[in-house]
Amino acid sequence: MHSADENFAVHVLITGRVQGVGYRAWVRRTADALGISGWVRNCRNGDVEAVFSGTTTSVNAMIEACRAGPEWARVADIRILDRAEPVPGPLTILRDP
């Protein structure tokens, strides 16, 4: 179990209708509001992949926010793939692979 103030990072995969609906820009704005760093990018198969880095509380809040996403998104699932190395600085949108 992690302390609420402990910094950690997770690698997540978000599935559903999450491309072409402003999802990555929404993730960046939400991450900024929650103090999350990391990155987000589209996957070739239509999913969105991200690393969220911050306190346990803020990362959990980010994951929960991503379940709803922006108005036009329809999130089917969010899978935590693994823990990740913490990422400094603001969350960035990476180029598609």
N, C-alpha and C. Protein backbone atom coordinates (compact mmCIF):
# COMPACT_ATOMS: atom_id res chain seq x y z
N MET A 1 0.85 -1.18 0.00
CA MET A 1 0.00 0.00 0.00
C MET A 1 0.89 1.24 0.00
N HIS A 2 0.45 2.27 -0.66
CA HIS A 2 1.22 3.50 -0.78
C HIS A 2 0.63 4.58 0.11
N SER A 3 1.50 5.38 0.68
CA SER A 3 1.06 6.55 1.42
C SER A 3 0.42 7.53 0.44
N ALA A 4 -0.56 8.29 0.89
CA ALA A 4 -1.26 9.24 0.01
C ALA A 4 -0.32 10.29 -0.56
N ASP A 5 0.77 10.59 0.15
CA ASP A 5 1.70 11.62 -0.32
C ASP A 5 2.88 11.04 -1.09
N GLU A 6 2.98 9.73 -1.18
CA GLU A 6 4.10 9.10 -1.87
C GLU A 6 3.97 9.29 -3.38
N ASN A 7 5.08 9.61 -4.04
CA ASN A 7 5.07 9.74 -5.49
C ASN A 7 5.25 8.38 -6.14
N PHE A 8 4.41 8.11 -7.11
CA PHE A 8 4.55 6.90 -7.89
C PHE A 8 3.93 7.12 -9.26
N ALA A 9 4.13 6.19 -10.15
CA ALA A 9 3.62 6.34 -11.52
C ALA A 9 3.06 5.01 -12.00
N VAL A 10 2.04 5.10 -12.84
CA VAL A 10 1.45 3.91 -13.45
C VAL A 10 1.33 4.08 -14.96
N HIS A 11 1.45 2.97 -15.65
CA HIS A 11 1.28 2.91 -17.10
C HIS A 11 -0.11 2.34 -17.34
N VAL A 12 -0.97 3.08 -18.05
CA VAL A 12 -2.36 2.66 -18.24
C VAL A 12 -2.72 2.58 -19.72
N LEU A 13 -3.71 1.76 -20.00
CA LEU A 13 -4.27 1.63 -21.34
C LEU A 13 -5.77 1.91 -21.23
N ILE A 14 -6.24 2.84 -22.04
CA ILE A 14 -7.64 3.28 -22.01
C ILE A 14 -8.28 2.85 -23.32
N THR A 15 -9.36 2.07 -23.22
CA THR A 15 -10.02 1.54 -24.41
C THR A 15 -11.43 2.11 -24.53
N GLY A 16 -11.96 2.02 -25.73
CA GLY A 16 -13.29 2.53 -26.03
C GLY A 16 -13.21 3.54 -27.16
N ARG A 17 -14.19 4.43 -27.20
CA ARG A 17 -14.14 5.52 -28.19
C ARG A 17 -13.37 6.67 -27.56
N VAL A 18 -12.04 6.62 -27.72
CA VAL A 18 -11.17 7.59 -27.05
C VAL A 18 -10.23 8.31 -28.01
N GLN A 19 -10.41 8.10 -29.30
CA GLN A 19 -9.65 8.86 -30.29
C GLN A 19 -10.64 9.65 -31.15
N GLY A 20 -10.21 10.85 -31.54
CA GLY A 20 -11.07 11.70 -32.35
C GLY A 20 -12.14 12.43 -31.56
N VAL A 21 -12.00 12.42 -30.23
CA VAL A 21 -13.00 13.06 -29.36
C VAL A 21 -12.36 14.06 -28.39
N GLY A 22 -11.10 14.42 -28.62
CA GLY A 22 -10.40 15.36 -27.75
C GLY A 22 -9.91 14.75 -26.45
N TYR A 23 -9.77 13.43 -26.42
CA TYR A 23 -9.41 12.75 -25.17
C TYR A 23 -8.02 13.14 -24.67
N ARG A 24 -7.02 13.17 -25.54
CA ARG A 24 -5.66 13.48 -25.08
C ARG A 24 -5.56 14.91 -24.55
N ALA A 25 -6.18 15.86 -25.22
CA ALA A 25 -6.16 17.25 -24.74
C ALA A 25 -6.88 17.35 -23.40
N TRP A 26 -7.99 16.63 -23.26
CA TRP A 26 -8.71 16.59 -21.99
C TRP A 26 -7.84 15.99 -20.89
N VAL A 27 -7.11 14.92 -21.21
CA VAL A 27 -6.20 14.31 -20.23
C VAL A 27 -5.16 15.33 -19.78
N ARG A 28 -4.59 16.08 -20.71
CA ARG A 28 -3.57 17.07 -20.34
C ARG A 28 -4.16 18.14 -19.41
N ARG A 29 -5.34 18.65 -19.73
CA ARG A 29 -5.97 19.68 -18.87
C ARG A 29 -6.28 19.12 -17.48
N THR A 30 -6.81 17.90 -17.45
CA THR A 30 -7.16 17.27 -16.17
C THR A 30 -5.90 17.00 -15.35
N ALA A 31 -4.86 16.53 -16.01
CA ALA A 31 -3.58 16.27 -15.32
C ALA A 31 -3.02 17.56 -14.73
N ASP A 32 -3.08 18.64 -15.49
CA ASP A 32 -2.60 19.93 -15.00
C ASP A 32 -3.36 20.34 -13.74
N ALA A 33 -4.68 20.15 -13.76
CA ALA A 33 -5.51 20.52 -12.61
C ALA A 33 -5.20 19.67 -11.38
N LEU A 34 -4.80 18.42 -11.59
CA LEU A 34 -4.52 17.50 -10.48
C LEU A 34 -3.05 17.46 -10.09
N GLY A 35 -2.19 18.17 -10.82
CA GLY A 35 -0.77 18.13 -10.51
C GLY A 35 -0.08 16.86 -10.96
N ILE A 36 -0.60 16.24 -12.01
CA ILE A 36 -0.06 14.99 -12.55
C ILE A 36 0.96 15.30 -13.65
N SER A 37 2.05 14.55 -13.66
CA SER A 37 2.99 14.62 -14.78
C SER A 37 2.91 13.30 -15.53
N GLY A 38 3.63 13.21 -16.65
CA GLY A 38 3.64 11.98 -17.43
C GLY A 38 3.46 12.27 -18.90
N TRP A 39 2.80 11.35 -19.58
CA TRP A 39 2.55 11.51 -21.02
C TRP A 39 1.30 10.74 -21.41
N VAL A 40 0.78 11.09 -22.60
CA VAL A 40 -0.38 10.41 -23.17
C VAL A 40 -0.20 10.36 -24.68
N ARG A 41 -0.64 9.27 -25.30
CA ARG A 41 -0.56 9.16 -26.76
C ARG A 41 -1.62 8.18 -27.28
N ASN A 42 -1.96 8.37 -28.57
CA ASN A 42 -2.84 7.43 -29.24
C ASN A 42 -2.07 6.18 -29.60
N CYS A 43 -2.75 5.05 -29.61
CA CYS A 43 -2.21 3.79 -30.11
C CYS A 43 -2.79 3.55 -31.50
N ARG A 44 -2.11 2.79 -32.29
CA ARG A 44 -2.58 2.50 -33.66
C ARG A 44 -3.92 1.78 -33.69
N ASN A 45 -4.23 1.02 -32.64
CA ASN A 45 -5.46 0.23 -32.63
C ASN A 45 -6.68 1.00 -32.13
N GLY A 46 -6.53 2.30 -31.83
CA GLY A 46 -7.66 3.10 -31.38
C GLY A 46 -7.70 3.34 -29.88
N ASP A 47 -6.83 2.68 -29.13
CA ASP A 47 -6.74 2.90 -27.68
C ASP A 47 -5.91 4.14 -27.40
N VAL A 48 -5.86 4.53 -26.15
CA VAL A 48 -4.99 5.61 -25.68
C VAL A 48 -4.14 5.03 -24.55
N GLU A 49 -2.84 5.33 -24.60
CA GLU A 49 -1.87 4.84 -23.62
C GLU A 49 -1.33 6.05 -22.85
N ALA A 50 -1.08 5.88 -21.55
CA ALA A 50 -0.58 7.00 -20.76
C ALA A 50 0.25 6.52 -19.59
N VAL A 51 1.10 7.41 -19.11
CA VAL A 51 1.78 7.24 -17.83
C VAL A 51 1.38 8.44 -16.98
N PHE A 52 0.85 8.14 -15.79
CA PHE A 52 0.46 9.17 -14.84
C PHE A 52 1.40 9.09 -13.64
N SER A 53 1.98 10.23 -13.28
CA SER A 53 2.97 10.28 -12.21
C SER A 53 2.59 11.38 -11.23
N GLY A 54 2.58 11.05 -9.94
CA GLY A 54 2.24 12.03 -8.92
C GLY A 54 2.03 11.33 -7.59
N THR A 55 1.31 11.99 -6.69
CA THR A 55 1.01 11.35 -5.41
C THR A 55 -0.01 10.23 -5.65
N THR A 56 -0.07 9.31 -4.73
CA THR A 56 -1.04 8.22 -4.84
C THR A 56 -2.45 8.77 -4.98
N THR A 57 -2.78 9.77 -4.18
CA THR A 57 -4.12 10.36 -4.22
C THR A 57 -4.41 10.98 -5.58
N SER A 58 -3.46 11.75 -6.12
CA SER A 58 -3.70 12.43 -7.40
C SER A 58 -3.74 11.44 -8.56
N VAL A 59 -2.89 10.43 -8.54
CA VAL A 59 -2.91 9.43 -9.62
C VAL A 59 -4.22 8.66 -9.59
N ASN A 60 -4.68 8.28 -8.40
CA ASN A 60 -5.98 7.58 -8.32
C ASN A 60 -7.12 8.47 -8.79
N ALA A 61 -7.07 9.77 -8.47
CA ALA A 61 -8.09 10.70 -8.94
C ALA A 61 -8.04 10.83 -10.46
N MET A 62 -6.84 10.82 -11.03
CA MET A 62 -6.70 10.92 -12.49
C MET A 62 -7.30 9.69 -13.17
N ILE A 63 -7.02 8.52 -12.64
CA ILE A 63 -7.57 7.29 -13.22
C ILE A 63 -9.10 7.32 -13.16
N GLU A 64 -9.65 7.74 -12.04
CA GLU A 64 -11.11 7.82 -11.92
C GLU A 64 -11.68 8.84 -12.89
N ALA A 65 -11.04 9.99 -13.04
CA ALA A 65 -11.52 11.00 -13.99
C ALA A 65 -11.49 10.44 -15.41
N CYS A 66 -10.47 9.66 -15.74
CA CYS A 66 -10.34 9.11 -17.09
C CYS A 66 -11.44 8.11 -17.41
N ARG A 67 -12.06 7.54 -16.41
CA ARG A 67 -13.17 6.60 -16.66
C ARG A 67 -14.35 7.31 -17.33
N ALA A 68 -14.52 8.59 -17.05
CA ALA A 68 -15.59 9.36 -17.67
C ALA A 68 -15.08 10.04 -18.94
N GLY A 69 -13.93 10.71 -18.84
CA GLY A 69 -13.35 11.39 -20.00
C GLY A 69 -14.18 12.59 -20.43
N PRO A 70 -13.84 13.15 -21.60
CA PRO A 70 -14.61 14.29 -22.12
C PRO A 70 -15.99 13.83 -22.62
N GLU A 71 -16.82 14.81 -22.92
CA GLU A 71 -18.22 14.55 -23.27
C GLU A 71 -18.41 13.52 -24.39
N TRP A 72 -17.62 13.58 -25.45
CA TRP A 72 -17.84 12.71 -26.61
C TRP A 72 -17.16 11.36 -26.51
N ALA A 73 -16.35 11.16 -25.48
CA ALA A 73 -15.66 9.87 -25.31
C ALA A 73 -16.61 8.85 -24.69
N ARG A 74 -16.33 7.59 -24.96
CA ARG A 74 -17.02 6.47 -24.33
C ARG A 74 -15.96 5.47 -23.90
N VAL A 75 -15.55 5.56 -22.64
CA VAL A 75 -14.48 4.71 -22.13
C VAL A 75 -15.05 3.33 -21.81
N ALA A 76 -14.46 2.30 -22.41
CA ALA A 76 -14.88 0.93 -22.14
C ALA A 76 -14.14 0.36 -20.94
N ASP A 77 -12.83 0.65 -20.83
CA ASP A 77 -12.03 0.07 -19.76
C ASP A 77 -10.74 0.87 -19.59
N ILE A 78 -10.22 0.86 -18.39
CA ILE A 78 -8.89 1.39 -18.10
C ILE A 78 -8.13 0.26 -17.41
N ARG A 79 -7.05 -0.15 -18.03
CA ARG A 79 -6.22 -1.22 -17.45
C ARG A 79 -4.90 -0.61 -16.97
N ILE A 80 -4.54 -0.92 -15.75
CA ILE A 80 -3.22 -0.54 -15.25
C ILE A 80 -2.28 -1.64 -15.71
N LEU A 81 -1.37 -1.28 -16.61
CA LEU A 81 -0.46 -2.27 -17.18
C LEU A 81 0.68 -2.59 -16.24
N ASP A 82 1.20 -1.56 -15.55
CA ASP A 82 2.35 -1.79 -14.68
C ASP A 82 2.65 -0.49 -13.95
N ARG A 83 3.51 -0.59 -12.95
CA ARG A 83 4.08 0.62 -12.37
C ARG A 83 5.08 1.17 -13.36
N ALA A 84 5.36 2.44 -13.28
CA ALA A 84 6.29 3.08 -14.20
C ALA A 84 7.25 3.96 -13.42
N GLU A 85 8.29 4.37 -14.09
CA GLU A 85 9.21 5.34 -13.48
C GLU A 85 8.51 6.70 -13.44
N PRO A 86 8.61 7.43 -12.32
CA PRO A 86 8.02 8.76 -12.27
C PRO A 86 8.58 9.65 -13.38
N VAL A 87 7.71 10.50 -13.91
CA VAL A 87 8.07 11.40 -15.01
C VAL A 87 8.00 12.83 -14.50
N PRO A 88 9.09 13.61 -14.64
CA PRO A 88 9.06 14.99 -14.17
C PRO A 88 8.35 15.92 -15.16
N GLY A 89 7.98 17.09 -14.68
CA GLY A 89 7.41 18.11 -15.54
C GLY A 89 5.95 17.89 -15.82
N PRO A 90 5.35 18.78 -16.61
CA PRO A 90 3.91 18.64 -16.91
C PRO A 90 3.65 17.45 -17.83
N LEU A 91 2.42 16.99 -17.83
CA LEU A 91 2.03 15.90 -18.74
C LEU A 91 2.11 16.40 -20.17
N THR A 92 2.68 15.59 -21.04
CA THR A 92 2.82 15.95 -22.45
C THR A 92 2.05 14.98 -23.33
N ILE A 93 1.65 15.47 -24.48
CA ILE A 93 1.02 14.63 -25.50
C ILE A 93 2.12 14.20 -26.45
N LEU A 94 2.34 12.89 -26.54
CA LEU A 94 3.37 12.36 -27.44
C LEU A 94 2.78 12.11 -28.80
N ARG A 95 3.67 12.09 -29.80
CA ARG A 95 3.24 11.75 -31.15
C ARG A 95 2.79 10.29 -31.19
N ASP A 96 1.86 10.02 -32.07
CA ASP A 96 1.40 8.65 -32.22
C ASP A 96 2.56 7.77 -32.68
N PRO A 97 2.54 6.49 -32.25
CA PRO A 97 3.65 5.58 -32.65
C PRO A 97 3.66 5.31 -34.14
